[in-house]
């Protein structure tokens, strides 16, 4: 199993809006890549994280005009799809973090 050094919510506070969350989450994935080593497992993790970043990039390119929340929810649903192997395991764990980040962002926005 590929280890994620730190969960998203340890590095980022709840975002003020879904657009900010989109950029923050992409940055988190990028930072995970930067902290990887040079083993074959790290190389595979780099590729898997790169796939997830590419999934978010169309949304970031469309900001601020895009409605980020539905897009991020669809991404999380897709990443959480059943499957086997380390790639699917990583995608499910990242999806869970994104879902938690969306809930935190919505609660933060509601409290404002």
PDB file of N, CA and C in Angstrom:
ATOM      1  N   UNK A   1       0.849  -1.177   0.000  1.00  0.00           N
ATOM      2  CA  UNK A   1       0.000   0.000   0.000  1.00  0.00           C
ATOM      3  C   UNK A   1       0.895   1.240   0.000  1.00  0.00           C
ATOM      4  N   UNK A   2       0.505   2.217  -0.783  1.00  0.00           N
ATOM      5  CA  UNK A   2       1.221   3.484  -0.850  1.00  0.00           C
ATOM      6  C   UNK A   2       0.786   4.346   0.329  1.00  0.00           C
ATOM      7  N   UNK A   3       1.760   4.901   1.004  1.00  0.00           N
ATOM      8  CA  UNK A   3       1.476   5.734   2.171  1.00  0.00           C
ATOM      9  C   UNK A   3       1.401   7.199   1.755  1.00  0.00           C
ATOM     10  N   UNK A   4       0.366   7.871   2.201  1.00  0.00           N
ATOM     11  CA  UNK A   4       0.260   9.319   2.015  1.00  0.00           C
ATOM     12  C   UNK A   4       0.832   9.965   3.264  1.00  0.00           C
ATOM     13  N   UNK A   5       1.823  10.798   3.069  1.00  0.00           N
ATOM     14  CA  UNK A   5       2.570  11.345   4.199  1.00  0.00           C
ATOM     15  C   UNK A   5       1.689  12.049   5.214  1.00  0.00           C
ATOM     16  N   UNK A   6       0.800  12.882   4.748  1.00  0.00           N
ATOM     17  CA  UNK A   6      -0.094  13.623   5.636  1.00  0.00           C
ATOM     18  C   UNK A   6      -1.459  13.749   4.977  1.00  0.00           C
ATOM     19  N   UNK A   7      -2.530  13.665   5.774  1.00  0.00           N
ATOM     20  CA  UNK A   7      -3.856  13.903   5.194  1.00  0.00           C
ATOM     21  C   UNK A   7      -4.043  15.380   4.857  1.00  0.00           C
ATOM     22  N   UNK A   8      -4.923  15.625   3.927  1.00  0.00           N
ATOM     23  CA  UNK A   8      -5.181  16.982   3.441  1.00  0.00           C
ATOM     24  C   UNK A   8      -5.505  17.947   4.569  1.00  0.00           C
ATOM     25  N   UNK A   9      -6.377  17.538   5.498  1.00  0.00           N
ATOM     26  CA  UNK A   9      -6.831  18.469   6.529  1.00  0.00           C
ATOM     27  C   UNK A   9      -5.760  18.793   7.570  1.00  0.00           C
ATOM     28  N   UNK A  10      -4.616  18.122   7.533  1.00  0.00           N
ATOM     29  CA  UNK A  10      -3.506  18.507   8.408  1.00  0.00           C
ATOM     30  C   UNK A  10      -2.720  19.669   7.822  1.00  0.00           C
ATOM     31  N   UNK A  11      -2.734  19.807   6.507  1.00  0.00           N
ATOM     32  CA  UNK A  11      -1.982  20.862   5.840  1.00  0.00           C
ATOM     33  C   UNK A  11      -2.824  22.071   5.461  1.00  0.00           C
ATOM     34  N   UNK A  12      -4.134  21.901   5.324  1.00  0.00           N
ATOM     35  CA  UNK A  12      -4.988  22.983   4.834  1.00  0.00           C
ATOM     36  C   UNK A  12      -6.171  23.211   5.768  1.00  0.00           C
ATOM     37  N   UNK A  13      -6.507  24.468   5.977  1.00  0.00           N
ATOM     38  CA  UNK A  13      -7.698  24.849   6.738  1.00  0.00           C
ATOM     39  C   UNK A  13      -8.905  24.733   5.822  1.00  0.00           C
ATOM     40  N   UNK A  14     -10.117  24.701   6.398  1.00  0.00           N
ATOM     41  CA  UNK A  14     -11.296  24.690   5.521  1.00  0.00           C
ATOM     42  C   UNK A  14     -11.278  25.889   4.569  1.00  0.00           C
ATOM     43  N   UNK A  15     -11.557  25.619   3.321  1.00  0.00           N
ATOM     44  CA  UNK A  15     -11.539  26.672   2.300  1.00  0.00           C
ATOM     45  C   UNK A  15     -12.769  27.554   2.426  1.00  0.00           C
ATOM     46  N   UNK A  16     -12.601  28.799   2.039  1.00  0.00           N
ATOM     47  CA  UNK A  16     -13.709  29.752   2.080  1.00  0.00           C
ATOM     48  C   UNK A  16     -14.779  29.415   1.041  1.00  0.00           C
ATOM     49  N   UNK A  17     -14.364  28.791  -0.054  1.00  0.00           N
ATOM     50  CA  UNK A  17     -15.305  28.424  -1.114  1.00  0.00           C
ATOM     51  C   UNK A  17     -14.731  27.240  -1.885  1.00  0.00           C
ATOM     52  N   UNK A  18     -15.557  26.669  -2.736  1.00  0.00           N
ATOM     53  CA  UNK A  18     -15.147  25.466  -3.469  1.00  0.00           C
ATOM     54  C   UNK A  18     -14.057  25.765  -4.497  1.00  0.00           C
ATOM     55  N   UNK A  19     -14.027  26.981  -5.011  1.00  0.00           N
ATOM     56  CA  UNK A  19     -12.960  27.340  -5.951  1.00  0.00           C
ATOM     57  C   UNK A  19     -11.605  27.299  -5.257  1.00  0.00           C
ATOM     58  N   UNK A  20     -11.544  27.847  -4.062  1.00  0.00           N
ATOM     59  CA  UNK A  20     -10.302  27.818  -3.287  1.00  0.00           C
ATOM     60  C   UNK A  20      -9.946  26.384  -2.933  1.00  0.00           C
ATOM     61  N   UNK A  21     -10.936  25.592  -2.565  1.00  0.00           N
ATOM     62  CA  UNK A  21     -10.699  24.183  -2.247  1.00  0.00           C
ATOM     63  C   UNK A  21     -10.104  23.452  -3.446  1.00  0.00           C
ATOM     64  N   UNK A  22     -10.568  23.756  -4.637  1.00  0.00           N
ATOM     65  CA  UNK A  22     -10.045  23.108  -5.846  1.00  0.00           C
ATOM     66  C   UNK A  22      -8.546  23.332  -5.978  1.00  0.00           C
ATOM     67  N   UNK A  23      -8.140  24.579  -5.822  1.00  0.00           N
ATOM     68  CA  UNK A  23      -6.724  24.917  -5.948  1.00  0.00           C
ATOM     69  C   UNK A  23      -5.932  24.324  -4.785  1.00  0.00           C
ATOM     70  N   UNK A  24      -6.485  24.398  -3.583  1.00  0.00           N
ATOM     71  CA  UNK A  24      -5.806  23.828  -2.416  1.00  0.00           C
ATOM     72  C   UNK A  24      -5.598  22.324  -2.577  1.00  0.00           C
ATOM     73  N   UNK A  25      -6.613  21.630  -3.060  1.00  0.00           N
ATOM     74  CA  UNK A  25      -6.507  20.173  -3.173  1.00  0.00           C
ATOM     75  C   UNK A  25      -5.502  19.795  -4.252  1.00  0.00           C
ATOM     76  N   UNK A  26      -5.507  20.512  -5.360  1.00  0.00           N
ATOM     77  CA  UNK A  26      -4.506  20.272  -6.403  1.00  0.00           C
ATOM     78  C   UNK A  26      -3.109  20.510  -5.836  1.00  0.00           C
ATOM     79  N   UNK A  27      -2.956  21.576  -5.056  1.00  0.00           N
ATOM     80  CA  UNK A  27      -1.661  21.882  -4.443  1.00  0.00           C
ATOM     81  C   UNK A  27      -1.233  20.784  -3.484  1.00  0.00           C
ATOM     82  N   UNK A  28      -2.177  20.246  -2.734  1.00  0.00           N
ATOM     83  CA  UNK A  28      -1.897  19.148  -1.813  1.00  0.00           C
ATOM     84  C   UNK A  28      -1.363  17.940  -2.576  1.00  0.00           C
ATOM     85  N   UNK A  29      -2.028  17.567  -3.665  1.00  0.00           N
ATOM     86  CA  UNK A  29      -1.576  16.424  -4.455  1.00  0.00           C
ATOM     87  C   UNK A  29      -0.179  16.675  -5.007  1.00  0.00           C
ATOM     88  N   UNK A  30       0.055  17.892  -5.461  1.00  0.00           N
ATOM     89  CA  UNK A  30       1.362  18.255  -5.991  1.00  0.00           C
ATOM     90  C   UNK A  30       2.434  18.173  -4.907  1.00  0.00           C
ATOM     91  N   UNK A  31       2.106  18.618  -3.703  1.00  0.00           N
ATOM     92  CA  UNK A  31       3.054  18.554  -2.584  1.00  0.00           C
ATOM     93  C   UNK A  31       3.357  17.103  -2.206  1.00  0.00           C
ATOM     94  N   UNK A  32       2.347  16.243  -2.273  1.00  0.00           N
ATOM     95  CA  UNK A  32       2.592  14.819  -2.007  1.00  0.00           C
ATOM     96  C   UNK A  32       3.611  14.263  -2.996  1.00  0.00           C
ATOM     97  N   UNK A  33       3.454  14.636  -4.251  1.00  0.00           N
ATOM     98  CA  UNK A  33       4.408  14.180  -5.263  1.00  0.00           C
ATOM     99  C   UNK A  33       5.815  14.668  -4.939  1.00  0.00           C
ATOM    100  N   UNK A  34       5.920  15.919  -4.542  1.00  0.00           N
ATOM    101  CA  UNK A  34       7.236  16.514  -4.277  1.00  0.00           C
ATOM    102  C   UNK A  34       7.950  15.823  -3.126  1.00  0.00           C
ATOM    103  N   UNK A  35       7.204  15.227  -2.215  1.00  0.00           N
ATOM    104  CA  UNK A  35       7.806  14.588  -1.046  1.00  0.00           C
ATOM    105  C   UNK A  35       8.141  13.113  -1.274  1.00  0.00           C
ATOM    106  N   UNK A  36       7.824  12.603  -2.452  1.00  0.00           N
ATOM    107  CA  UNK A  36       8.108  11.195  -2.730  1.00  0.00           C
ATOM    108  C   UNK A  36       9.606  10.964  -2.907  1.00  0.00           C
ATOM    109  N   UNK A  37      10.005   9.731  -2.650  1.00  0.00           N
ATOM    110  CA  UNK A  37      11.400   9.351  -2.833  1.00  0.00           C
ATOM    111  C   UNK A  37      11.649   8.828  -4.233  1.00  0.00           C
ATOM    112  N   UNK A  38      12.578   7.878  -4.323  1.00  0.00           N
ATOM    113  CA  UNK A  38      13.023   7.394  -5.625  1.00  0.00           C
ATOM    114  C   UNK A  38      12.831   5.896  -5.804  1.00  0.00           C
ATOM    115  N   UNK A  39      12.007   5.284  -4.995  1.00  0.00           N
ATOM    116  CA  UNK A  39      11.796   3.845  -5.116  1.00  0.00           C
ATOM    117  C   UNK A  39      10.795   3.550  -6.240  1.00  0.00           C
ATOM    118  N   UNK A  40      10.724   2.313  -6.683  1.00  0.00           N
ATOM    119  CA  UNK A  40       9.706   1.961  -7.678  1.00  0.00           C
ATOM    120  C   UNK A  40       8.280   2.248  -7.179  1.00  0.00           C
ATOM    121  N   UNK A  41       8.012   2.013  -5.892  1.00  0.00           N
ATOM    122  CA  UNK A  41       6.684   2.318  -5.345  1.00  0.00           C
ATOM    123  C   UNK A  41       6.413   3.821  -5.395  1.00  0.00           C
ATOM    124  N   UNK A  42       7.425   4.632  -5.119  1.00  0.00           N
ATOM    125  CA  UNK A  42       7.269   6.084  -5.212  1.00  0.00           C
ATOM    126  C   UNK A  42       7.002   6.519  -6.647  1.00  0.00           C
ATOM    127  N   UNK A  43       7.661   5.872  -7.591  1.00  0.00           N
ATOM    128  CA  UNK A  43       7.412   6.189  -9.008  1.00  0.00           C
ATOM    129  C   UNK A  43       5.961   5.906  -9.381  1.00  0.00           C
ATOM    130  N   UNK A  44       5.449   4.772  -8.900  1.00  0.00           N
ATOM    131  CA  UNK A  44       4.044   4.434  -9.187  1.00  0.00           C
ATOM    132  C   UNK A  44       3.111   5.451  -8.519  1.00  0.00           C
ATOM    133  N   UNK A  45       3.403   5.801  -7.268  1.00  0.00           N
ATOM    134  CA  UNK A  45       2.581   6.780  -6.554  1.00  0.00           C
ATOM    135  C   UNK A  45       2.586   8.112  -7.292  1.00  0.00           C
ATOM    136  N   UNK A  46       3.748   8.505  -7.814  1.00  0.00           N
ATOM    137  CA  UNK A  46       3.844   9.758  -8.551  1.00  0.00           C
ATOM    138  C   UNK A  46       2.881   9.738  -9.740  1.00  0.00           C
ATOM    139  N   UNK A  47       2.877   8.633 -10.465  1.00  0.00           N
ATOM    140  CA  UNK A  47       1.987   8.502 -11.626  1.00  0.00           C
ATOM    141  C   UNK A  47       0.518   8.559 -11.214  1.00  0.00           C
ATOM    142  N   UNK A  48       0.163   7.864 -10.136  1.00  0.00           N
ATOM    143  CA  UNK A  48      -1.225   7.859  -9.678  1.00  0.00           C
ATOM    144  C   UNK A  48      -1.661   9.263  -9.265  1.00  0.00           C
ATOM    145  N   UNK A  49      -0.799   9.963  -8.532  1.00  0.00           N
ATOM    146  CA  UNK A  49      -1.135  11.330  -8.104  1.00  0.00           C
ATOM    147  C   UNK A  49      -1.223  12.267  -9.306  1.00  0.00           C
ATOM    148  N   UNK A  50      -0.373  12.052 -10.281  1.00  0.00           N
ATOM    149  CA  UNK A  50      -0.411  12.858 -11.508  1.00  0.00           C
ATOM    150  C   UNK A  50      -1.766  12.701 -12.209  1.00  0.00           C
ATOM    151  N   UNK A  51      -2.292  11.483 -12.243  1.00  0.00           N
ATOM    152  CA  UNK A  51      -3.621  11.247 -12.831  1.00  0.00           C
ATOM    153  C   UNK A  51      -4.683  12.080 -12.116  1.00  0.00           C
ATOM    154  N   UNK A  52      -4.626  12.094 -10.787  1.00  0.00           N
ATOM    155  CA  UNK A  52      -5.621  12.827 -10.009  1.00  0.00           C
ATOM    156  C   UNK A  52      -5.494  14.332 -10.245  1.00  0.00           C
ATOM    157  N   UNK A  53      -4.263  14.818 -10.322  1.00  0.00           N
ATOM    158  CA  UNK A  53      -4.058  16.240 -10.616  1.00  0.00           C
ATOM    159  C   UNK A  53      -4.658  16.592 -11.977  1.00  0.00           C
ATOM    160  N   UNK A  54      -4.427  15.746 -12.964  1.00  0.00           N
ATOM    161  CA  UNK A  54      -4.972  16.008 -14.306  1.00  0.00           C
ATOM    162  C   UNK A  54      -6.496  16.029 -14.288  1.00  0.00           C
ATOM    163  N   UNK A  55      -7.109  15.262 -13.400  1.00  0.00           N
ATOM    164  CA  UNK A  55      -8.569  15.286 -13.278  1.00  0.00           C
ATOM    165  C   UNK A  55      -9.068  16.635 -12.773  1.00  0.00           C
ATOM    166  N   UNK A  56      -8.300  17.285 -11.913  1.00  0.00           N
ATOM    167  CA  UNK A  56      -8.709  18.563 -11.323  1.00  0.00           C
ATOM    168  C   UNK A  56      -8.374  19.741 -12.239  1.00  0.00           C
ATOM    169  N   UNK A  57      -7.354  19.624 -13.058  1.00  0.00           N
ATOM    170  CA  UNK A  57      -6.875  20.758 -13.850  1.00  0.00           C
ATOM    171  C   UNK A  57      -7.928  21.427 -14.729  1.00  0.00           C
ATOM    172  N   UNK A  58      -8.837  20.697 -15.401  1.00  0.00           N
ATOM    173  CA  UNK A  58      -9.852  21.401 -16.199  1.00  0.00           C
ATOM    174  C   UNK A  58     -10.712  22.336 -15.351  1.00  0.00           C
ATOM    175  N   UNK A  59     -10.996  21.940 -14.130  1.00  0.00           N
ATOM    176  CA  UNK A  59     -11.766  22.803 -13.235  1.00  0.00           C
ATOM    177  C   UNK A  59     -10.966  24.050 -12.893  1.00  0.00           C
ATOM    178  N   UNK A  60      -9.716  23.888 -12.541  1.00  0.00           N
ATOM    179  CA  UNK A  60      -8.882  25.035 -12.168  1.00  0.00           C
ATOM    180  C   UNK A  60      -8.753  26.007 -13.343  1.00  0.00           C
ATOM    181  N   UNK A  61      -8.611  25.482 -14.538  1.00  0.00           N
ATOM    182  CA  UNK A  61      -8.502  26.339 -15.720  1.00  0.00           C
ATOM    183  C   UNK A  61      -9.790  27.116 -15.972  1.00  0.00           C
ATOM    184  N   UNK A  62     -10.919  26.597 -15.532  1.00  0.00           N
ATOM    185  CA  UNK A  62     -12.209  27.256 -15.746  1.00  0.00           C
ATOM    186  C   UNK A  62     -12.575  28.230 -14.627  1.00  0.00           C
ATOM    187  N   UNK A  63     -11.799  28.255 -13.555  1.00  0.00           N
ATOM    188  CA  UNK A  63     -12.096  29.158 -12.435  1.00  0.00           C
ATOM    189  C   UNK A  63     -11.821  30.593 -12.849  1.00  0.00           C
ATOM    190  N   UNK A  64     -12.525  31.561 -12.321  1.00  0.00           N
ATOM    191  CA  UNK A  64     -13.520  31.478 -11.259  1.00  0.00           C
ATOM    192  C   UNK A  64     -14.942  31.240 -11.756  1.00  0.00           C
ATOM    193  N   UNK A  65     -15.110  31.039 -13.056  1.00  0.00           N
ATOM    194  CA  UNK A  65     -16.460  30.935 -13.620  1.00  0.00           C
ATOM    195  C   UNK A  65     -17.112  29.572 -13.405  1.00  0.00           C
ATOM    196  N   UNK A  66     -16.333  28.558 -13.107  1.00  0.00           N
ATOM    197  CA  UNK A  66     -16.875  27.206 -12.958  1.00  0.00           C
ATOM    198  C   UNK A  66     -17.550  27.032 -11.607  1.00  0.00           C
ATOM    199  N   UNK A  67     -18.561  26.164 -11.581  1.00  0.00           N
ATOM    200  CA  UNK A  67     -19.196  25.776 -10.325  1.00  0.00           C
ATOM    201  C   UNK A  67     -18.416  24.583  -9.800  1.00  0.00           C
ATOM    202  N   UNK A  68     -17.545  24.831  -8.844  1.00  0.00           N
ATOM    203  CA  UNK A  68     -16.561  23.836  -8.428  1.00  0.00           C
ATOM    204  C   UNK A  68     -17.156  22.684  -7.619  1.00  0.00           C
ATOM    205  N   UNK A  69     -18.158  22.944  -6.812  1.00  0.00           N
ATOM    206  CA  UNK A  69     -18.655  21.908  -5.908  1.00  0.00           C
ATOM    207  C   UNK A  69     -19.155  20.666  -6.647  1.00  0.00           C
ATOM    208  N   UNK A  70     -20.042  20.786  -7.627  1.00  0.00           N
ATOM    209  CA  UNK A  70     -20.497  19.565  -8.315  1.00  0.00           C
ATOM    210  C   UNK A  70     -19.345  18.827  -9.019  1.00  0.00           C
ATOM    211  N   UNK A  71     -18.418  19.573  -9.579  1.00  0.00           N
ATOM    212  CA  UNK A  71     -17.272  18.963 -10.255  1.00  0.00           C
ATOM    213  C   UNK A  71     -16.444  18.158  -9.263  1.00  0.00           C
ATOM    214  N   UNK A  72     -16.151  18.747  -8.105  1.00  0.00           N
ATOM    215  CA  UNK A  72     -15.360  18.044  -7.093  1.00  0.00           C
ATOM    216  C   UNK A  72     -16.093  16.819  -6.565  1.00  0.00           C
ATOM    217  N   UNK A  73     -17.398  16.920  -6.402  1.00  0.00           N
ATOM    218  CA  UNK A  73     -18.174  15.750  -5.959  1.00  0.00           C
ATOM    219  C   UNK A  73     -18.109  14.614  -6.983  1.00  0.00           C
ATOM    220  N   UNK A  74     -18.219  14.973  -8.262  1.00  0.00           N
ATOM    221  CA  UNK A  74     -18.124  13.944  -9.310  1.00  0.00           C
ATOM    222  C   UNK A  74     -16.738  13.303  -9.308  1.00  0.00           C
ATOM    223  N   UNK A  75     -15.701  14.119  -9.116  1.00  0.00           N
ATOM    224  CA  UNK A  75     -14.351  13.559  -9.041  1.00  0.00           C
ATOM    225  C   UNK A  75     -14.250  12.566  -7.883  1.00  0.00           C
ATOM    226  N   UNK A  76     -14.706  12.986  -6.714  1.00  0.00           N
ATOM    227  CA  UNK A  76     -14.630  12.107  -5.538  1.00  0.00           C
ATOM    228  C   UNK A  76     -15.397  10.810  -5.784  1.00  0.00           C
ATOM    229  N   UNK A  77     -16.558  10.901  -6.405  1.00  0.00           N
ATOM    230  CA  UNK A  77     -17.338   9.697  -6.708  1.00  0.00           C
ATOM    231  C   UNK A  77     -16.580   8.782  -7.664  1.00  0.00           C
ATOM    232  N   UNK A  78     -15.975   9.365  -8.674  1.00  0.00           N
ATOM    233  CA  UNK A  78     -15.212   8.573  -9.640  1.00  0.00           C
ATOM    234  C   UNK A  78     -13.987   7.937  -9.014  1.00  0.00           C
ATOM    235  N   UNK A  79     -13.285   8.697  -8.196  1.00  0.00           N
ATOM    236  CA  UNK A  79     -12.088   8.169  -7.542  1.00  0.00           C
ATOM    237  C   UNK A  79     -12.424   7.069  -6.540  1.00  0.00           C
ATOM    238  N   UNK A  80     -13.625   7.118  -5.987  1.00  0.00           N
ATOM    239  CA  UNK A  80     -14.022   6.138  -4.969  1.00  0.00           C
ATOM    240  C   UNK A  80     -14.573   4.851  -5.572  1.00  0.00           C
ATOM    241  N   UNK A  81     -14.621   4.759  -6.881  1.00  0.00           N
ATOM    242  CA  UNK A  81     -15.185   3.580  -7.542  1.00  0.00           C
ATOM    243  C   UNK A  81     -14.463   2.308  -7.102  1.00  0.00           C
ATOM    244  N   UNK A  82     -15.209   1.209  -7.019  1.00  0.00           N
ATOM    245  CA  UNK A  82     -14.588  -0.055  -6.611  1.00  0.00           C
ATOM    246  C   UNK A  82     -13.477  -0.461  -7.579  1.00  0.00           C
ATOM    247  N   UNK A  83     -12.524  -1.129  -7.045  1.00  0.00           N
ATOM    248  CA  UNK A  83     -11.421  -1.633  -7.844  1.00  0.00           C
ATOM    249  C   UNK A  83     -10.420  -2.330  -6.943  1.00  0.00           C
ATOM    250  N   UNK A  84      -9.425  -2.902  -7.564  1.00  0.00           N
ATOM    251  CA  UNK A  84      -8.405  -3.607  -6.791  1.00  0.00           C
ATOM    252  C   UNK A  84      -7.043  -3.010  -7.114  1.00  0.00           C
ATOM    253  N   UNK A  85      -6.114  -3.268  -6.257  1.00  0.00           N
ATOM    254  CA  UNK A  85      -4.752  -2.815  -6.496  1.00  0.00           C
ATOM    255  C   UNK A  85      -4.446  -1.501  -5.806  1.00  0.00           C
ATOM    256  N   UNK A  86      -3.169  -1.157  -5.809  1.00  0.00           N
ATOM    257  CA  UNK A  86      -2.728   0.022  -5.072  1.00  0.00           C
ATOM    258  C   UNK A  86      -3.225   1.321  -5.684  1.00  0.00           C
ATOM    259  N   UNK A  87      -3.369   1.366  -7.005  1.00  0.00           N
ATOM    260  CA  UNK A  87      -3.878   2.582  -7.648  1.00  0.00           C
ATOM    261  C   UNK A  87      -5.298   2.889  -7.166  1.00  0.00           C
ATOM    262  N   UNK A  88      -6.160   1.881  -7.183  1.00  0.00           N
ATOM    263  CA  UNK A  88      -7.541   2.079  -6.756  1.00  0.00           C
ATOM    264  C   UNK A  88      -7.625   2.379  -5.263  1.00  0.00           C
ATOM    265  N   UNK A  89      -6.755   1.752  -4.479  1.00  0.00           N
ATOM    266  CA  UNK A  89      -6.715   2.038  -3.046  1.00  0.00           C
ATOM    267  C   UNK A  89      -6.339   3.497  -2.801  1.00  0.00           C
ATOM    268  N   UNK A  90      -5.317   3.978  -3.494  1.00  0.00           N
ATOM    269  CA  UNK A  90      -4.905   5.377  -3.348  1.00  0.00           C
ATOM    270  C   UNK A  90      -6.029   6.316  -3.767  1.00  0.00           C
ATOM    271  N   UNK A  91      -6.676   6.021  -4.881  1.00  0.00           N
ATOM    272  CA  UNK A  91      -7.767   6.870  -5.364  1.00  0.00           C
ATOM    273  C   UNK A  91      -8.908   6.933  -4.340  1.00  0.00           C
ATOM    274  N   UNK A  92      -9.241   5.789  -3.734  1.00  0.00           N
ATOM    275  CA  UNK A  92     -10.314   5.784  -2.728  1.00  0.00           C
ATOM    276  C   UNK A  92      -9.925   6.612  -1.500  1.00  0.00           C
ATOM    277  N   UNK A  93      -8.680   6.505  -1.068  1.00  0.00           N
ATOM    278  CA  UNK A  93      -8.248   7.286   0.100  1.00  0.00           C
ATOM    279  C   UNK A  93      -8.233   8.782  -0.201  1.00  0.00           C
ATOM    280  N   UNK A  94      -7.811   9.149  -1.397  1.00  0.00           N
ATOM    281  CA  UNK A  94      -7.825  10.557  -1.781  1.00  0.00           C
ATOM    282  C   UNK A  94      -9.267  11.040  -1.926  1.00  0.00           C
ATOM    283  N   UNK A  95     -10.139  10.210  -2.458  1.00  0.00           N
ATOM    284  CA  UNK A  95     -11.563  10.575  -2.573  1.00  0.00           C
ATOM    285  C   UNK A  95     -12.163  10.841  -1.203  1.00  0.00           C
ATOM    286  N   UNK A  96     -11.834  10.010  -0.230  1.00  0.00           N
ATOM    287  CA  UNK A  96     -12.351  10.221   1.132  1.00  0.00           C
ATOM    288  C   UNK A  96     -11.867  11.558   1.690  1.00  0.00           C
ATOM    289  N   UNK A  97     -10.602  11.906   1.424  1.00  0.00           N
ATOM    290  CA  UNK A  97     -10.096  13.204   1.891  1.00  0.00           C
ATOM    291  C   UNK A  97     -10.812  14.358   1.200  1.00  0.00           C
ATOM    292  N   UNK A  98     -11.061  14.224  -0.098  1.00  0.00           N
ATOM    293  CA  UNK A  98     -11.750  15.280  -0.827  1.00  0.00           C
ATOM    294  C   UNK A  98     -13.178  15.429  -0.310  1.00  0.00           C
ATOM    295  N   UNK A  99     -13.856  14.337  -0.065  1.00  0.00           N
ATOM    296  CA  UNK A  99     -15.220  14.411   0.479  1.00  0.00           C
ATOM    297  C   UNK A  99     -15.231  15.089   1.846  1.00  0.00           C
ATOM    298  N   UNK A 100     -14.273  14.753   2.677  1.00  0.00           N
ATOM    299  CA  UNK A 100     -14.170  15.379   4.001  1.00  0.00           C
ATOM    300  C   UNK A 100     -13.883  16.886   3.853  1.00  0.00           C
ATOM    301  N   UNK A 101     -13.017  17.236   2.915  1.00  0.00           N
ATOM    302  CA  UNK A 101     -12.691  18.641   2.674  1.00  0.00           C
ATOM    303  C   UNK A 101     -13.921  19.409   2.171  1.00  0.00           C
ATOM    304  N   UNK A 102     -14.725  18.775   1.317  1.00  0.00           N
ATOM    305  CA  UNK A 102     -15.961  19.412   0.839  1.00  0.00           C
ATOM    306  C   UNK A 102     -16.936  19.647   1.995  1.00  0.00           C
ATOM    307  N   UNK A 103     -17.084  18.644   2.867  1.00  0.00           N
ATOM    308  CA  UNK A 103     -17.958  18.824   4.036  1.00  0.00           C
ATOM    309  C   UNK A 103     -17.446  19.952   4.930  1.00  0.00           C
ATOM    310  N   UNK A 104     -16.141  19.978   5.173  1.00  0.00           N
ATOM    311  CA  UNK A 104     -15.561  21.036   6.003  1.00  0.00           C
ATOM    312  C   UNK A 104     -15.764  22.409   5.386  1.00  0.00           C
ATOM    313  N   UNK A 105     -15.590  22.495   4.075  1.00  0.00           N
ATOM    314  CA  UNK A 105     -15.781  23.771   3.380  1.00  0.00           C
ATOM    315  C   UNK A 105     -17.229  24.216   3.466  1.00  0.00           C
ATOM    316  N   UNK A 106     -18.171  23.295   3.297  1.00  0.00           N
ATOM    317  CA  UNK A 106     -19.583  23.653   3.375  1.00  0.00           C
ATOM    318  C   UNK A 106     -19.965  24.092   4.790  1.00  0.00           C
ATOM    319  N   UNK A 107     -19.433  23.396   5.783  1.00  0.00           N
ATOM    320  CA  UNK A 107     -19.708  23.807   7.176  1.00  0.00           C
ATOM    321  C   UNK A 107     -19.102  25.162   7.476  1.00  0.00           C
ATOM    322  N   UNK A 108     -17.919  25.400   6.978  1.00  0.00           N
ATOM    323  CA  UNK A 108     -17.241  26.687   7.176  1.00  0.00           C
ATOM    324  C   UNK A 108     -18.053  27.805   6.504  1.00  0.00           C
ATOM    325  N   UNK A 109     -18.518  27.572   5.281  1.00  0.00           N
ATOM    326  CA  UNK A 109     -19.303  28.576   4.571  1.00  0.00           C
ATOM    327  C   UNK A 109     -20.623  28.840   5.291  1.00  0.00           C
ATOM    328  N   UNK A 110     -21.228  27.786   5.848  1.00  0.00           N
ATOM    329  CA  UNK A 110     -22.492  27.932   6.562  1.00  0.00           C
ATOM    330  C   UNK A 110     -22.311  28.760   7.830  1.00  0.00           C
ATOM    331  N   UNK A 111     -21.165  28.608   8.491  1.00  0.00           N
ATOM    332  CA  UNK A 111     -20.895  29.324   9.741  1.00  0.00           C
ATOM    333  C   UNK A 111     -20.580  30.805   9.520  1.00  0.00           C
ATOM    334  N   UNK A 112     -20.225  31.163   8.299  1.00  0.00           N
ATOM    335  CA  UNK A 112     -19.831  32.557   8.018  1.00  0.00           C
ATOM    336  C   UNK A 112     -21.020  33.479   7.932  1.00  0.00           C
TER     337      UNK A 112
END
